[in-house]
């Protein structure tokens, strides 16, 4: 449960970074993360951590 909450917070933070830096709507930022995750066959959590870093 803690891992799920932590990974959700990381994804939310990455969406915030994308929305602030690229002036996107939160839904678009979320979609960008999901698309990158799917196209690179990388876990969403990993993509989010990369965005934050």
N, C-alpha and C. Protein backbone atom coordinates (compact mmCIF):
# COMPACT_ATOMS: atom_id res chain seq x y z
N UNK A 1 0.83 -1.19 0.00
CA UNK A 1 0.00 0.00 0.00
C UNK A 1 0.87 1.26 0.00
N UNK A 2 1.91 1.25 0.82
CA UNK A 2 2.81 2.42 0.87
C UNK A 2 3.49 2.65 -0.47
N UNK A 3 3.87 1.56 -1.12
CA UNK A 3 4.52 1.70 -2.44
C UNK A 3 3.55 2.32 -3.44
N UNK A 4 2.31 1.88 -3.41
CA UNK A 4 1.31 2.42 -4.33
C UNK A 4 1.10 3.91 -4.10
N UNK A 5 1.03 4.31 -2.85
CA UNK A 5 0.85 5.73 -2.53
C UNK A 5 2.08 6.52 -2.95
N UNK A 6 3.26 5.96 -2.71
CA UNK A 6 4.50 6.64 -3.10
C UNK A 6 4.65 6.78 -4.59
N UNK A 7 4.29 5.73 -5.33
CA UNK A 7 4.42 5.81 -6.79
C UNK A 7 3.37 6.76 -7.37
N UNK A 8 2.19 6.80 -6.76
CA UNK A 8 1.17 7.74 -7.23
C UNK A 8 1.63 9.18 -7.00
N UNK A 9 2.27 9.42 -5.87
CA UNK A 9 2.78 10.77 -5.58
C UNK A 9 3.87 11.15 -6.57
N UNK A 10 4.71 10.20 -6.94
CA UNK A 10 5.78 10.46 -7.91
C UNK A 10 5.19 10.80 -9.28
N UNK A 11 4.19 10.06 -9.69
CA UNK A 11 3.54 10.32 -10.98
C UNK A 11 2.87 11.69 -10.95
N UNK A 12 2.18 12.00 -9.86
CA UNK A 12 1.54 13.32 -9.74
C UNK A 12 2.57 14.44 -9.80
N UNK A 13 3.70 14.23 -9.16
CA UNK A 13 4.75 15.26 -9.16
C UNK A 13 5.31 15.43 -10.58
N UNK A 14 5.49 14.35 -11.30
CA UNK A 14 5.99 14.43 -12.68
C UNK A 14 4.98 15.14 -13.57
N UNK A 15 3.70 14.88 -13.36
CA UNK A 15 2.67 15.59 -14.13
C UNK A 15 2.76 17.08 -13.84
N UNK A 16 2.98 17.42 -12.58
CA UNK A 16 3.14 18.83 -12.21
C UNK A 16 4.32 19.47 -12.90
N UNK A 17 5.43 18.75 -12.98
CA UNK A 17 6.62 19.27 -13.66
C UNK A 17 6.31 19.52 -15.14
N UNK A 18 5.66 18.56 -15.77
CA UNK A 18 5.32 18.72 -17.19
C UNK A 18 4.35 19.88 -17.42
N UNK A 19 3.34 19.99 -16.57
CA UNK A 19 2.37 21.05 -16.76
C UNK A 19 2.99 22.42 -16.54
N UNK A 20 3.88 22.53 -15.58
CA UNK A 20 4.52 23.82 -15.30
C UNK A 20 5.55 24.19 -16.36
N UNK A 21 6.35 23.23 -16.76
CA UNK A 21 7.44 23.55 -17.68
C UNK A 21 6.99 23.67 -19.14
N UNK A 22 5.91 23.03 -19.49
CA UNK A 22 5.45 23.06 -20.89
C UNK A 22 4.06 23.66 -21.04
N UNK A 23 3.53 24.21 -19.97
CA UNK A 23 2.21 24.85 -19.96
C UNK A 23 1.14 23.93 -20.55
N UNK A 24 1.09 22.72 -20.01
CA UNK A 24 0.10 21.73 -20.44
C UNK A 24 -1.00 21.62 -19.40
N UNK A 25 -2.14 21.15 -19.82
CA UNK A 25 -3.19 20.80 -18.88
C UNK A 25 -2.77 19.51 -18.17
N UNK A 26 -3.16 19.32 -16.92
CA UNK A 26 -2.79 18.09 -16.20
C UNK A 26 -3.16 16.80 -16.94
N UNK A 27 -4.30 16.79 -17.60
CA UNK A 27 -4.71 15.59 -18.34
C UNK A 27 -3.73 15.30 -19.49
N UNK A 28 -3.23 16.34 -20.12
CA UNK A 28 -2.27 16.18 -21.22
C UNK A 28 -0.93 15.69 -20.66
N UNK A 29 -0.51 16.24 -19.53
CA UNK A 29 0.73 15.79 -18.91
C UNK A 29 0.66 14.32 -18.54
N UNK A 30 -0.47 13.90 -18.03
CA UNK A 30 -0.68 12.49 -17.68
C UNK A 30 -0.62 11.62 -18.92
N UNK A 31 -1.24 12.07 -19.98
CA UNK A 31 -1.23 11.32 -21.24
C UNK A 31 0.19 11.20 -21.81
N UNK A 32 0.97 12.27 -21.71
CA UNK A 32 2.36 12.24 -22.19
C UNK A 32 3.14 11.17 -21.43
N UNK A 33 2.99 11.14 -20.11
CA UNK A 33 3.69 10.13 -19.31
C UNK A 33 3.28 8.72 -19.73
N UNK A 34 1.98 8.49 -19.90
CA UNK A 34 1.50 7.16 -20.28
C UNK A 34 2.02 6.76 -21.66
N UNK A 35 2.00 7.69 -22.60
CA UNK A 35 2.48 7.38 -23.95
C UNK A 35 3.97 7.05 -23.96
N UNK A 36 4.76 7.82 -23.25
CA UNK A 36 6.20 7.54 -23.19
C UNK A 36 6.42 6.17 -22.55
N UNK A 37 5.68 5.89 -21.49
CA UNK A 37 5.79 4.61 -20.82
C UNK A 37 5.48 3.46 -21.77
N UNK A 38 4.41 3.58 -22.52
CA UNK A 38 4.01 2.51 -23.44
C UNK A 38 4.96 2.37 -24.62
N UNK A 39 5.38 3.49 -25.19
CA UNK A 39 6.23 3.44 -26.39
C UNK A 39 7.66 3.00 -26.09
N UNK A 40 8.10 3.20 -24.86
CA UNK A 40 9.46 2.80 -24.50
C UNK A 40 9.47 1.51 -23.69
N UNK A 41 8.29 0.94 -23.44
CA UNK A 41 8.17 -0.27 -22.63
C UNK A 41 8.86 -0.10 -21.28
N UNK A 42 8.59 1.04 -20.67
CA UNK A 42 9.17 1.41 -19.38
C UNK A 42 8.03 1.63 -18.40
N UNK A 43 8.22 1.21 -17.16
CA UNK A 43 7.18 1.41 -16.15
C UNK A 43 6.90 2.90 -15.98
N UNK A 44 5.63 3.20 -15.75
CA UNK A 44 5.20 4.58 -15.56
C UNK A 44 5.98 5.23 -14.42
N UNK A 45 6.19 4.51 -13.35
CA UNK A 45 6.94 5.00 -12.20
C UNK A 45 8.34 5.44 -12.61
N UNK A 46 9.00 4.65 -13.44
CA UNK A 46 10.36 4.96 -13.90
C UNK A 46 10.38 6.21 -14.78
N UNK A 47 9.41 6.32 -15.65
CA UNK A 47 9.31 7.51 -16.51
C UNK A 47 9.10 8.74 -15.64
N UNK A 48 8.22 8.63 -14.65
CA UNK A 48 7.95 9.76 -13.75
C UNK A 48 9.21 10.16 -12.98
N UNK A 49 9.96 9.18 -12.49
CA UNK A 49 11.20 9.49 -11.77
C UNK A 49 12.20 10.20 -12.67
N UNK A 50 12.25 9.81 -13.93
CA UNK A 50 13.16 10.46 -14.88
C UNK A 50 12.76 11.90 -15.12
N UNK A 51 11.47 12.15 -15.26
CA UNK A 51 10.99 13.52 -15.46
C UNK A 51 11.35 14.39 -14.27
N UNK A 52 11.16 13.87 -13.09
CA UNK A 52 11.45 14.63 -11.87
C UNK A 52 12.94 14.94 -11.75
N UNK A 53 13.75 13.96 -12.11
CA UNK A 53 15.21 14.14 -12.02
C UNK A 53 15.66 15.16 -13.03
